[in-house]
Amino acid sequence: MQAFFENLEALFFALAFGSVVFGLLARLLGVQRTWPFFLLAALWLVLGLLLRLE
């Protein structure tokens, strides 16, 4: 469990990257509403940056 909490910011960055990739793929496939994926990616990125600053 300690290793999980030590690498929590890496998890958030990976989730942000995955959300961006998923949003881009959805957009390429013709989905009109992809903004939630990018909003979620921004949220994961902010959480990762906040944990890195602490």
Protein backbone atom coordinates (compact mmCIF):
# COMPACT_ATOMS: atom_id res chain seq x y z
CA MET A 1 0.00 0.00 0.00
CA GLN A 2 2.91 2.33 0.70
CA ALA A 3 4.25 1.87 -2.83
CA PHE A 4 0.81 2.81 -4.18
CA PHE A 5 0.78 6.10 -2.29
CA GLU A 6 4.39 6.86 -3.21
CA ASN A 7 3.55 6.60 -6.92
CA LEU A 8 0.16 8.27 -6.79
CA GLU A 9 1.23 11.25 -8.93
CA ALA A 10 2.50 8.85 -11.61
CA LEU A 11 -0.92 7.19 -11.61
CA PHE A 12 -2.61 10.56 -12.09
CA PHE A 13 -0.28 11.45 -14.97
CA ALA A 14 -0.95 8.08 -16.61
CA LEU A 15 -4.70 8.59 -16.24
CA ALA A 16 -4.40 12.07 -17.76
CA PHE A 17 -2.45 10.71 -20.72
CA GLY A 18 -4.98 7.91 -21.20
CA SER A 19 -7.89 10.33 -21.08
CA VAL A 20 -6.29 12.54 -23.74
CA VAL A 21 -5.57 9.56 -25.98
CA PHE A 22 -9.09 8.22 -25.51
CA GLY A 23 -10.57 11.65 -26.28
CA LEU A 24 -8.47 11.98 -29.44
CA LEU A 25 -9.42 8.51 -30.62
CA ALA A 26 -13.09 9.19 -29.94
CA ARG A 27 -12.84 12.44 -31.89
CA LEU A 28 -11.17 10.67 -34.81
CA LEU A 29 -13.98 8.13 -34.82
CA GLY A 30 -16.53 10.92 -35.14
CA VAL A 31 -17.86 11.34 -31.62
CA GLN A 32 -19.16 14.88 -31.24
CA ARG A 33 -18.89 15.30 -27.47
CA THR A 34 -15.31 14.62 -26.46
CA TRP A 35 -14.92 17.53 -24.06
CA PRO A 36 -15.56 15.36 -20.94
CA PHE A 37 -12.47 13.29 -21.74
CA PHE A 38 -10.31 16.40 -21.99
CA LEU A 39 -11.87 17.87 -18.85
CA LEU A 40 -11.10 14.65 -17.01
CA ALA A 41 -7.54 14.73 -18.36
CA ALA A 42 -7.13 18.27 -17.05
CA LEU A 43 -8.42 17.17 -13.65
CA TRP A 44 -5.96 14.25 -13.49
CA LEU A 45 -3.13 16.54 -14.58
CA VAL A 46 -3.93 19.11 -11.90
CA LEU A 47 -4.12 16.40 -9.23
CA GLY A 48 -0.78 14.97 -10.35
CA LEU A 49 0.85 18.38 -10.27
CA LEU A 50 -0.57 19.17 -6.84
CA LEU A 51 0.78 15.92 -5.42
CA ARG A 52 4.18 16.55 -6.98
CA LEU A 53 4.37 20.00 -5.35
CA GLU A 54 3.67 18.66 -1.87
